[in-house]
Amino acid sequence: MKLFMFSYIREGRSQKLEHCLAREHLVVSHLLRRTVDADFYEGPRAMLIDKDRKPRWSPSKLELVDEEMVSKCFSAIDDEDWQPLRLFERPKPSHIAVSRM
């Protein structure tokens, strides 16, 4: 599982910022939509809502996270209401006024 996660980090080194941000948006969307698990909400529930300070993580240990769960975080979201991240085109540096101090 660790090698799988590190491969995504290594991939990001050679990709443009726009691609990395779009992938982060996809992962966060999966977390907020609870398509993989509900752990994103479990921590605040245990600390802020019920205040029992006993989160019930799923799976209970990091070692139990499998490659299927990780790859699901990077898969496309099948919902017509969800939109992938689209960034505005940045102006080319030649169009930006530069101070000559």
PDB file of N, CA and C in Angstrom:
ATOM      1  N   MET A   1       0.825  -1.188   0.000  1.00  0.00           N
ATOM      2  CA  MET A   1       0.000   0.000   0.000  1.00  0.00           C
ATOM      3  C   MET A   1       0.872   1.256   0.000  1.00  0.00           C
ATOM      4  N   LYS A   2       1.938   1.241   0.808  1.00  0.00           N
ATOM      5  CA  LYS A   2       2.821   2.404   0.861  1.00  0.00           C
ATOM      6  C   LYS A   2       3.428   2.703  -0.502  1.00  0.00           C
ATOM      7  N   LEU A   3       3.873   1.656  -1.205  1.00  0.00           N
ATOM      8  CA  LEU A   3       4.455   1.847  -2.527  1.00  0.00           C
ATOM      9  C   LEU A   3       3.443   2.455  -3.485  1.00  0.00           C
ATOM     10  N   PHE A   4       2.195   2.070  -3.347  1.00  0.00           N
ATOM     11  CA  PHE A   4       1.133   2.599  -4.192  1.00  0.00           C
ATOM     12  C   PHE A   4       0.977   4.102  -3.971  1.00  0.00           C
ATOM     13  N   MET A   5       0.974   4.538  -2.706  1.00  0.00           N
ATOM     14  CA  MET A   5       0.834   5.968  -2.397  1.00  0.00           C
ATOM     15  C   MET A   5       2.059   6.748  -2.869  1.00  0.00           C
ATOM     16  N   PHE A   6       3.240   6.197  -2.673  1.00  0.00           N
ATOM     17  CA  PHE A   6       4.448   6.895  -3.091  1.00  0.00           C
ATOM     18  C   PHE A   6       4.519   7.038  -4.603  1.00  0.00           C
ATOM     19  N   SER A   7       3.907   6.106  -5.329  1.00  0.00           N
ATOM     20  CA  SER A   7       3.919   6.225  -6.790  1.00  0.00           C
ATOM     21  C   SER A   7       3.133   7.454  -7.231  1.00  0.00           C
ATOM     22  N   TYR A   8       2.064   7.791  -6.522  1.00  0.00           N
ATOM     23  CA  TYR A   8       1.306   9.002  -6.849  1.00  0.00           C
ATOM     24  C   TYR A   8       2.118  10.257  -6.555  1.00  0.00           C
ATOM     25  N   ILE A   9       2.885  10.220  -5.487  1.00  0.00           N
ATOM     26  CA  ILE A   9       3.736  11.359  -5.156  1.00  0.00           C
ATOM     27  C   ILE A   9       4.816  11.519  -6.222  1.00  0.00           C
ATOM     28  N   ARG A  10       5.432  10.404  -6.629  1.00  0.00           N
ATOM     29  CA  ARG A  10       6.453  10.458  -7.674  1.00  0.00           C
ATOM     30  C   ARG A  10       5.874  10.935  -8.994  1.00  0.00           C
ATOM     31  N   GLU A  11       4.653  10.505  -9.311  1.00  0.00           N
ATOM     32  CA  GLU A  11       3.992  10.951 -10.548  1.00  0.00           C
ATOM     33  C   GLU A  11       3.823  12.460 -10.549  1.00  0.00           C
ATOM     34  N   GLY A  12       3.444  13.011  -9.419  1.00  0.00           N
ATOM     35  CA  GLY A  12       3.185  14.443  -9.318  1.00  0.00           C
ATOM     36  C   GLY A  12       4.406  15.295  -9.570  1.00  0.00           C
ATOM     37  N   ARG A  13       5.579  14.764  -9.340  1.00  0.00           N
ATOM     38  CA  ARG A  13       6.813  15.525  -9.569  1.00  0.00           C
ATOM     39  C   ARG A  13       6.982  15.925 -11.027  1.00  0.00           C
ATOM     40  N   SER A  14       6.490  15.092 -11.932  1.00  0.00           N
ATOM     41  CA  SER A  14       6.691  15.363 -13.352  1.00  0.00           C
ATOM     42  C   SER A  14       5.453  15.963 -14.025  1.00  0.00           C
ATOM     43  N   GLN A  15       4.423  16.236 -13.256  1.00  0.00           N
ATOM     44  CA  GLN A  15       3.194  16.771 -13.836  1.00  0.00           C
ATOM     45  C   GLN A  15       3.060  18.253 -13.551  1.00  0.00           C
ATOM     46  N   LYS A  16       2.250  18.899 -14.337  1.00  0.00           N
ATOM     47  CA  LYS A  16       1.999  20.324 -14.146  1.00  0.00           C
ATOM     48  C   LYS A  16       1.139  20.546 -12.918  1.00  0.00           C
ATOM     49  N   LEU A  17       1.241  21.731 -12.363  1.00  0.00           N
ATOM     50  CA  LEU A  17       0.491  22.086 -11.166  1.00  0.00           C
ATOM     51  C   LEU A  17      -1.015  21.906 -11.382  1.00  0.00           C
ATOM     52  N   GLU A  18      -1.501  22.269 -12.555  1.00  0.00           N
ATOM     53  CA  GLU A  18      -2.930  22.161 -12.840  1.00  0.00           C
ATOM     54  C   GLU A  18      -3.414  20.720 -12.714  1.00  0.00           C
ATOM     55  N   HIS A  19      -2.606  19.784 -13.199  1.00  0.00           N
ATOM     56  CA  HIS A  19      -2.971  18.372 -13.119  1.00  0.00           C
ATOM     57  C   HIS A  19      -2.974  17.897 -11.662  1.00  0.00           C
ATOM     58  N   CYS A  20      -1.984  18.308 -10.894  1.00  0.00           N
ATOM     59  CA  CYS A  20      -1.897  17.923  -9.483  1.00  0.00           C
ATOM     60  C   CYS A  20      -3.079  18.483  -8.688  1.00  0.00           C
ATOM     61  N   LEU A  21      -3.436  19.729  -8.957  1.00  0.00           N
ATOM     62  CA  LEU A  21      -4.578  20.332  -8.258  1.00  0.00           C
ATOM     63  C   LEU A  21      -5.881  19.630  -8.618  1.00  0.00           C
ATOM     64  N   ALA A  22      -6.034  19.257  -9.877  1.00  0.00           N
ATOM     65  CA  ALA A  22      -7.243  18.545 -10.298  1.00  0.00           C
ATOM     66  C   ALA A  22      -7.330  17.189  -9.603  1.00  0.00           C
ATOM     67  N   ARG A  23      -6.188  16.525  -9.448  1.00  0.00           N
ATOM     68  CA  ARG A  23      -6.186  15.229  -8.766  1.00  0.00           C
ATOM     69  C   ARG A  23      -6.501  15.398  -7.282  1.00  0.00           C
ATOM     70  N   GLU A  24      -5.954  16.424  -6.652  1.00  0.00           N
ATOM     71  CA  GLU A  24      -6.273  16.697  -5.244  1.00  0.00           C
ATOM     72  C   GLU A  24      -7.764  16.993  -5.076  1.00  0.00           C
ATOM     73  N   HIS A  25      -8.336  17.739  -6.000  1.00  0.00           N
ATOM     74  CA  HIS A  25      -9.762  18.037  -5.967  1.00  0.00           C
ATOM     75  C   HIS A  25     -10.578  16.750  -6.045  1.00  0.00           C
ATOM     76  N   LEU A  26     -10.151  15.827  -6.881  1.00  0.00           N
ATOM     77  CA  LEU A  26     -10.833  14.543  -7.015  1.00  0.00           C
ATOM     78  C   LEU A  26     -10.782  13.756  -5.711  1.00  0.00           C
ATOM     79  N   VAL A  27      -9.610  13.680  -5.089  1.00  0.00           N
ATOM     80  CA  VAL A  27      -9.463  12.933  -3.836  1.00  0.00           C
ATOM     81  C   VAL A  27     -10.316  13.554  -2.734  1.00  0.00           C
ATOM     82  N   VAL A  28     -10.262  14.875  -2.600  1.00  0.00           N
ATOM     83  CA  VAL A  28     -11.055  15.552  -1.567  1.00  0.00           C
ATOM     84  C   VAL A  28     -12.549  15.365  -1.836  1.00  0.00           C
ATOM     85  N   SER A  29     -12.938  15.361  -3.091  1.00  0.00           N
ATOM     86  CA  SER A  29     -14.350  15.132  -3.426  1.00  0.00           C
ATOM     87  C   SER A  29     -14.792  13.748  -2.970  1.00  0.00           C
ATOM     88  N   HIS A  30     -13.937  12.741  -3.156  1.00  0.00           N
ATOM     89  CA  HIS A  30     -14.267  11.394  -2.673  1.00  0.00           C
ATOM     90  C   HIS A  30     -14.399  11.387  -1.154  1.00  0.00           C
ATOM     91  N   LEU A  31     -13.502  12.093  -0.465  1.00  0.00           N
ATOM     92  CA  LEU A  31     -13.570  12.129   1.000  1.00  0.00           C
ATOM     93  C   LEU A  31     -14.857  12.787   1.482  1.00  0.00           C
ATOM     94  N   LEU A  32     -15.204  13.911   0.889  1.00  0.00           N
ATOM     95  CA  LEU A  32     -16.402  14.634   1.315  1.00  0.00           C
ATOM     96  C   LEU A  32     -17.687  13.897   0.952  1.00  0.00           C
ATOM     97  N   ARG A  33     -17.667  13.149  -0.135  1.00  0.00           N
ATOM     98  CA  ARG A  33     -18.846  12.416  -0.576  1.00  0.00           C
ATOM     99  C   ARG A  33     -18.970  11.060   0.118  1.00  0.00           C
ATOM    100  N   ARG A  34     -17.965  10.658   0.872  1.00  0.00           N
ATOM    101  CA  ARG A  34     -17.933   9.377   1.578  1.00  0.00           C
ATOM    102  C   ARG A  34     -18.003   8.190   0.625  1.00  0.00           C
ATOM    103  N   THR A  35     -17.417   8.297  -0.537  1.00  0.00           N
ATOM    104  CA  THR A  35     -17.450   7.189  -1.487  1.00  0.00           C
ATOM    105  C   THR A  35     -16.484   6.077  -1.122  1.00  0.00           C
ATOM    106  N   VAL A  36     -15.460   6.378  -0.337  1.00  0.00           N
ATOM    107  CA  VAL A  36     -14.505   5.360   0.085  1.00  0.00           C
ATOM    108  C   VAL A  36     -14.809   4.933   1.517  1.00  0.00           C
ATOM    109  N   ASP A  37     -14.912   5.886   2.415  1.00  0.00           N
ATOM    110  CA  ASP A  37     -15.300   5.632   3.801  1.00  0.00           C
ATOM    111  C   ASP A  37     -15.753   6.947   4.431  1.00  0.00           C
ATOM    112  N   ALA A  38     -16.141   6.909   5.689  1.00  0.00           N
ATOM    113  CA  ALA A  38     -16.640   8.102   6.374  1.00  0.00           C
ATOM    114  C   ALA A  38     -15.639   8.649   7.384  1.00  0.00           C
ATOM    115  N   ASP A  39     -14.378   8.272   7.268  1.00  0.00           N
ATOM    116  CA  ASP A  39     -13.372   8.689   8.240  1.00  0.00           C
ATOM    117  C   ASP A  39     -13.161  10.193   8.296  1.00  0.00           C
ATOM    118  N   PHE A  40     -13.376  10.884   7.188  1.00  0.00           N
ATOM    119  CA  PHE A  40     -13.210  12.339   7.192  1.00  0.00           C
ATOM    120  C   PHE A  40     -14.145  12.976   8.219  1.00  0.00           C
ATOM    121  N   TYR A  41     -15.320  12.404   8.410  1.00  0.00           N
ATOM    122  CA  TYR A  41     -16.301  12.934   9.355  1.00  0.00           C
ATOM    123  C   TYR A  41     -16.183  12.292  10.735  1.00  0.00           C
ATOM    124  N   GLU A  42     -15.517  11.158  10.827  1.00  0.00           N
ATOM    125  CA  GLU A  42     -15.416  10.448  12.099  1.00  0.00           C
ATOM    126  C   GLU A  42     -14.551  11.186  13.115  1.00  0.00           C
ATOM    127  N   GLY A  43     -13.454  11.779  12.688  1.00  0.00           N
ATOM    128  CA  GLY A  43     -12.602  12.530  13.610  1.00  0.00           C
ATOM    129  C   GLY A  43     -13.322  13.715  14.244  1.00  0.00           C
ATOM    130  N   PRO A  44     -13.940  14.603  13.447  1.00  0.00           N
ATOM    131  CA  PRO A  44     -14.701  15.702  14.053  1.00  0.00           C
ATOM    132  C   PRO A  44     -15.877  15.224  14.911  1.00  0.00           C
ATOM    133  N   ARG A  45     -16.502  14.099  14.532  1.00  0.00           N
ATOM    134  CA  ARG A  45     -17.598  13.571  15.351  1.00  0.00           C
ATOM    135  C   ARG A  45     -17.091  13.225  16.745  1.00  0.00           C
ATOM    136  N   ALA A  46     -15.948  12.529  16.792  1.00  0.00           N
ATOM    137  CA  ALA A  46     -15.414  12.086  18.080  1.00  0.00           C
ATOM    138  C   ALA A  46     -14.893  13.245  18.921  1.00  0.00           C
ATOM    139  N   MET A  47     -14.348  14.283  18.282  1.00  0.00           N
ATOM    140  CA  MET A  47     -13.754  15.392  19.021  1.00  0.00           C
ATOM    141  C   MET A  47     -14.735  16.531  19.313  1.00  0.00           C
ATOM    142  N   LEU A  48     -15.613  16.839  18.375  1.00  0.00           N
ATOM    143  CA  LEU A  48     -16.426  18.049  18.496  1.00  0.00           C
ATOM    144  C   LEU A  48     -17.908  17.802  18.772  1.00  0.00           C
ATOM    145  N   ILE A  49     -18.460  16.748  18.221  1.00  0.00           N
ATOM    146  CA  ILE A  49     -19.902  16.537  18.358  1.00  0.00           C
ATOM    147  C   ILE A  49     -20.205  15.698  19.594  1.00  0.00           C
ATOM    148  N   ASP A  50     -19.760  14.455  19.606  1.00  0.00           N
ATOM    149  CA  ASP A  50     -20.017  13.577  20.758  1.00  0.00           C
ATOM    150  C   ASP A  50     -19.013  13.795  21.881  1.00  0.00           C
ATOM    151  N   LYS A  51     -17.853  14.333  21.558  1.00  0.00           N
ATOM    152  CA  LYS A  51     -16.782  14.622  22.510  1.00  0.00           C
ATOM    153  C   LYS A  51     -16.357  13.397  23.321  1.00  0.00           C
ATOM    154  N   ASP A  52     -16.481  12.225  22.726  1.00  0.00           N
ATOM    155  CA  ASP A  52     -16.047  11.010  23.411  1.00  0.00           C
ATOM    156  C   ASP A  52     -14.569  10.711  23.178  1.00  0.00           C
ATOM    157  N   ARG A  53     -13.953  11.435  22.223  1.00  0.00           N
ATOM    158  CA  ARG A  53     -12.541  11.262  21.890  1.00  0.00           C
ATOM    159  C   ARG A  53     -12.184   9.818  21.557  1.00  0.00           C
ATOM    160  N   LYS A  54     -13.137   9.111  20.975  1.00  0.00           N
ATOM    161  CA  LYS A  54     -12.921   7.719  20.590  1.00  0.00           C
ATOM    162  C   LYS A  54     -13.391   7.514  19.150  1.00  0.00           C
ATOM    163  N   PRO A  55     -12.600   7.970  18.192  1.00  0.00           N
ATOM    164  CA  PRO A  55     -13.021   7.768  16.799  1.00  0.00           C
ATOM    165  C   PRO A  55     -13.026   6.288  16.432  1.00  0.00           C
ATOM    166  N   ARG A  56     -13.993   5.905  15.656  1.00  0.00           N
ATOM    167  CA  ARG A  56     -14.101   4.525  15.178  1.00  0.00           C
ATOM    168  C   ARG A  56     -13.727   4.527  13.698  1.00  0.00           C
ATOM    169  N   TRP A  57     -12.408   4.388  13.449  1.00  0.00           N
ATOM    170  CA  TRP A  57     -11.903   4.448  12.086  1.00  0.00           C
ATOM    171  C   TRP A  57     -12.266   3.185  11.325  1.00  0.00           C
ATOM    172  N   SER A  58     -12.395   3.337  10.024  1.00  0.00           N
ATOM    173  CA  SER A  58     -12.694   2.196   9.168  1.00  0.00           C
ATOM    174  C   SER A  58     -11.767   2.243   7.954  1.00  0.00           C
ATOM    175  N   PRO A  59     -10.834   1.363   7.857  1.00  0.00           N
ATOM    176  CA  PRO A  59     -10.445   0.283   8.753  1.00  0.00           C
ATOM    177  C   PRO A  59      -9.761   0.821  10.007  1.00  0.00           C
ATOM    178  N   SER A  60      -9.643  -0.028  10.996  1.00  0.00           N
ATOM    179  CA  SER A  60      -9.158   0.403  12.305  1.00  0.00           C
ATOM    180  C   SER A  60      -7.656   0.701  12.342  1.00  0.00           C
ATOM    181  N   LYS A  61      -6.888   0.137  11.412  1.00  0.00           N
ATOM    182  CA  LYS A  61      -5.441   0.364  11.362  1.00  0.00           C
ATOM    183  C   LYS A  61      -5.039   0.758   9.955  1.00  0.00           C
ATOM    184  N   LEU A  62      -4.005   1.571   9.867  1.00  0.00           N
ATOM    185  CA  LEU A  62      -3.498   2.007   8.571  1.00  0.00           C
ATOM    186  C   LEU A  62      -3.033   0.829   7.722  1.00  0.00           C
ATOM    187  N   GLU A  63      -2.502  -0.192   8.356  1.00  0.00           N
ATOM    188  CA  GLU A  63      -2.023  -1.371   7.632  1.00  0.00           C
ATOM    189  C   GLU A  63      -3.150  -2.101   6.914  1.00  0.00           C
ATOM    190  N   LEU A  64      -4.392  -1.883   7.336  1.00  0.00           N
ATOM    191  CA  LEU A  64      -5.530  -2.570   6.734  1.00  0.00           C
ATOM    192  C   LEU A  64      -6.097  -1.841   5.511  1.00  0.00           C
ATOM    193  N   VAL A  65      -5.566  -0.661   5.226  1.00  0.00           N
ATOM    194  CA  VAL A  65      -5.982   0.057   4.014  1.00  0.00           C
ATOM    195  C   VAL A  65      -5.364  -0.669   2.826  1.00  0.00           C
ATOM    196  N   ASP A  66      -6.195  -1.076   1.883  1.00  0.00           N
ATOM    197  CA  ASP A  66      -5.673  -1.820   0.734  1.00  0.00           C
ATOM    198  C   ASP A  66      -5.586  -0.933  -0.506  1.00  0.00           C
ATOM    199  N   GLU A  67      -4.952  -1.468  -1.530  1.00  0.00           N
ATOM    200  CA  GLU A  67      -4.753  -0.709  -2.761  1.00  0.00           C
ATOM    201  C   GLU A  67      -6.077  -0.350  -3.429  1.00  0.00           C
ATOM    202  N   GLU A  68      -7.085  -1.188  -3.259  1.00  0.00           N
ATOM    203  CA  GLU A  68      -8.395  -0.912  -3.852  1.00  0.00           C
ATOM    204  C   GLU A  68      -9.005   0.366  -3.265  1.00  0.00           C
ATOM    205  N   MET A  69      -8.873   0.558  -1.956  1.00  0.00           N
ATOM    206  CA  MET A  69      -9.404   1.767  -1.323  1.00  0.00           C
ATOM    207  C   MET A  69      -8.668   3.002  -1.825  1.00  0.00           C
ATOM    208  N   VAL A  70      -7.347   2.894  -1.931  1.00  0.00           N
ATOM    209  CA  VAL A  70      -6.550   4.030  -2.383  1.00  0.00           C
ATOM    210  C   VAL A  70      -6.871   4.352  -3.837  1.00  0.00           C
ATOM    211  N   SER A  71      -6.945   3.335  -4.682  1.00  0.00           N
ATOM    212  CA  SER A  71      -7.223   3.589  -6.097  1.00  0.00           C
ATOM    213  C   SER A  71      -8.625   4.150  -6.301  1.00  0.00           C
ATOM    214  N   LYS A  72      -9.556   3.805  -5.420  1.00  0.00           N
ATOM    215  CA  LYS A  72     -10.912   4.365  -5.524  1.00  0.00           C
ATOM    216  C   LYS A  72     -10.896   5.873  -5.281  1.00  0.00           C
ATOM    217  N   CYS A  73      -9.980   6.330  -4.435  1.00  0.00           N
ATOM    218  CA  CYS A  73      -9.863   7.770  -4.180  1.00  0.00           C
ATOM    219  C   CYS A  73      -9.464   8.538  -5.437  1.00  0.00           C
ATOM    220  N   PHE A  74      -8.766   7.872  -6.359  1.00  0.00           N
ATOM    221  CA  PHE A  74      -8.290   8.521  -7.575  1.00  0.00           C
ATOM    222  C   PHE A  74      -9.140   8.181  -8.797  1.00  0.00           C
ATOM    223  N   SER A  75     -10.243   7.475  -8.585  1.00  0.00           N
ATOM    224  CA  SER A  75     -11.104   7.105  -9.708  1.00  0.00           C
ATOM    225  C   SER A  75     -12.108   8.218  -9.999  1.00  0.00           C
ATOM    226  N   ALA A  76     -12.668   8.180 -11.187  1.00  0.00           N
ATOM    227  CA  ALA A  76     -13.647   9.186 -11.589  1.00  0.00           C
ATOM    228  C   ALA A  76     -14.915   9.064 -10.749  1.00  0.00           C
ATOM    229  N   ILE A  77     -15.560  10.180 -10.519  1.00  0.00           N
ATOM    230  CA  ILE A  77     -16.801  10.196  -9.741  1.00  0.00           C
ATOM    231  C   ILE A  77     -17.972  10.090 -10.707  1.00  0.00           C
ATOM    232  N   ASP A  78     -18.811   9.107 -10.462  1.00  0.00           N
ATOM    233  CA  ASP A  78     -19.948   8.848 -11.339  1.00  0.00           C
ATOM    234  C   ASP A  78     -21.190   9.553 -10.796  1.00  0.00           C
ATOM    235  N   ASP A  79     -21.270  10.842 -11.065  1.00  0.00           N
ATOM    236  CA  ASP A  79     -22.417  11.645 -10.635  1.00  0.00           C
ATOM    237  C   ASP A  79     -22.524  12.832 -11.582  1.00  0.00           C
ATOM    238  N   GLU A  80     -23.678  13.025 -12.158  1.00  0.00           N
ATOM    239  CA  GLU A  80     -23.827  14.104 -13.139  1.00  0.00           C
ATOM    240  C   GLU A  80     -23.731  15.488 -12.511  1.00  0.00           C
ATOM    241  N   ASP A  81     -23.927  15.605 -11.204  1.00  0.00           N
ATOM    242  CA  ASP A  81     -23.828  16.903 -10.533  1.00  0.00           C
ATOM    243  C   ASP A  81     -22.394  17.296 -10.198  1.00  0.00           C
ATOM    244  N   TRP A  82     -21.492  16.317 -10.144  1.00  0.00           N
ATOM    245  CA  TRP A  82     -20.098  16.602  -9.798  1.00  0.00           C
ATOM    246  C   TRP A  82     -19.349  17.077 -11.029  1.00  0.00           C
ATOM    247  N   GLN A  83     -18.532  18.085 -10.851  1.00  0.00           N
ATOM    248  CA  GLN A  83     -17.724  18.623 -11.942  1.00  0.00           C
ATOM    249  C   GLN A  83     -16.245  18.529 -11.576  1.00  0.00           C
ATOM    250  N   PRO A  84     -15.404  18.094 -12.507  1.00  0.00           N
ATOM    251  CA  PRO A  84     -13.965  18.108 -12.220  1.00  0.00           C
ATOM    252  C   PRO A  84     -13.465  19.548 -12.147  1.00  0.00           C
ATOM    253  N   LEU A  85     -12.333  19.721 -11.508  1.00  0.00           N
ATOM    254  CA  LEU A  85     -11.750  21.048 -11.353  1.00  0.00           C
ATOM    255  C   LEU A  85     -11.308  21.590 -12.706  1.00  0.00           C
ATOM    256  N   ARG A  86     -11.728  22.814 -13.002  1.00  0.00           N
ATOM    257  CA  ARG A  86     -11.300  23.495 -14.226  1.00  0.00           C
ATOM    258  C   ARG A  86     -10.703  24.828 -13.809  1.00  0.00           C
ATOM    259  N   LEU A  87      -9.473  25.050 -14.159  1.00  0.00           N
ATOM    260  CA  LEU A  87      -8.788  26.287 -13.805  1.00  0.00           C
ATOM    261  C   LEU A  87      -8.831  27.261 -14.962  1.00  0.00           C
ATOM    262  N   PHE A  88      -8.805  28.538 -14.642  1.00  0.00           N
ATOM    263  CA  PHE A  88      -8.746  29.567 -15.664  1.00  0.00           C
ATOM    264  C   PHE A  88      -7.375  29.539 -16.328  1.00  0.00           C
ATOM    265  N   GLU A  89      -7.338  29.930 -17.574  1.00  0.00           N
ATOM    266  CA  GLU A  89      -6.063  30.054 -18.267  1.00  0.00           C
ATOM    267  C   GLU A  89      -5.288  31.208 -17.651  1.00  0.00           C
ATOM    268  N   ARG A  90      -4.023  30.960 -17.388  1.00  0.00           N
ATOM    269  CA  ARG A  90      -3.174  32.024 -16.856  1.00  0.00           C
ATOM    270  C   ARG A  90      -2.607  32.826 -18.015  1.00  0.00           C
ATOM    271  N   PRO A  91      -2.478  34.126 -17.821  1.00  0.00           N
ATOM    272  CA  PRO A  91      -1.880  34.920 -18.898  1.00  0.00           C
ATOM    273  C   PRO A  91      -0.410  34.559 -19.065  1.00  0.00           C
ATOM    274  N   LYS A  92       0.067  34.712 -20.285  1.00  0.00           N
ATOM    275  CA  LYS A  92       1.468  34.420 -20.550  1.00  0.00           C
ATOM    276  C   LYS A  92       2.340  35.495 -19.902  1.00  0.00           C
ATOM    277  N   PRO A  93       3.518  35.149 -19.442  1.00  0.00           N
ATOM    278  CA  PRO A  93       4.381  36.124 -18.775  1.00  0.00           C
ATOM    279  C   PRO A  93       4.677  37.367 -19.597  1.00  0.00           C
ATOM    280  N   SER A  94       4.646  37.282 -20.919  1.00  0.00           N
ATOM    281  CA  SER A  94       4.944  38.457 -21.758  1.00  0.00           C
ATOM    282  C   SER A  94       3.850  39.527 -21.643  1.00  0.00           C
ATOM    283  N   HIS A  95       2.673  39.140 -21.174  1.00  0.00           N
ATOM    284  CA  HIS A  95       1.565  40.097 -21.053  1.00  0.00           C
ATOM    285  C   HIS A  95       1.527  40.764 -19.676  1.00  0.00           C
ATOM    286  N   ILE A  96       2.379  40.340 -18.775  1.00  0.00           N
ATOM    287  CA  ILE A  96       2.375  40.869 -17.412  1.00  0.00           C
ATOM    288  C   ILE A  96       3.353  42.030 -17.338  1.00  0.00           C
ATOM    289  N   ALA A  97       2.896  43.130 -16.740  1.00  0.00           N
ATOM    290  CA  ALA A  97       3.777  44.292 -16.565  1.00  0.00           C
ATOM    291  C   ALA A  97       4.801  43.985 -15.491  1.00  0.00           C
ATOM    292  N   VAL A  98       6.060  44.240 -15.790  1.00  0.00           N
ATOM    293  CA  VAL A  98       7.143  43.974 -14.852  1.00  0.00           C
ATOM    294  C   VAL A  98       7.744  45.291 -14.414  1.00  0.00           C
ATOM    295  N   SER A  99       7.920  45.444 -13.116  1.00  0.00           N
ATOM    296  CA  SER A  99       8.521  46.644 -12.580  1.00  0.00           C
ATOM    297  C   SER A  99      10.019  46.653 -12.881  1.00  0.00           C
ATOM    298  N   ARG A 100      10.584  47.822 -13.212  1.00  0.00           N
ATOM    299  CA  ARG A 100      12.009  47.909 -13.523  1.00  0.00           C
ATOM    300  C   ARG A 100      12.711  48.719 -12.428  1.00  0.00           C
ATOM    301  N   MET A 101      12.742  48.207 -11.274  1.00  0.00           N
ATOM    302  CA  MET A 101      13.399  48.906 -10.163  1.00  0.00           C
ATOM    303  C   MET A 101      14.814  48.473 -10.031  1.00  0.00           C
TER     304      MET A 101
END
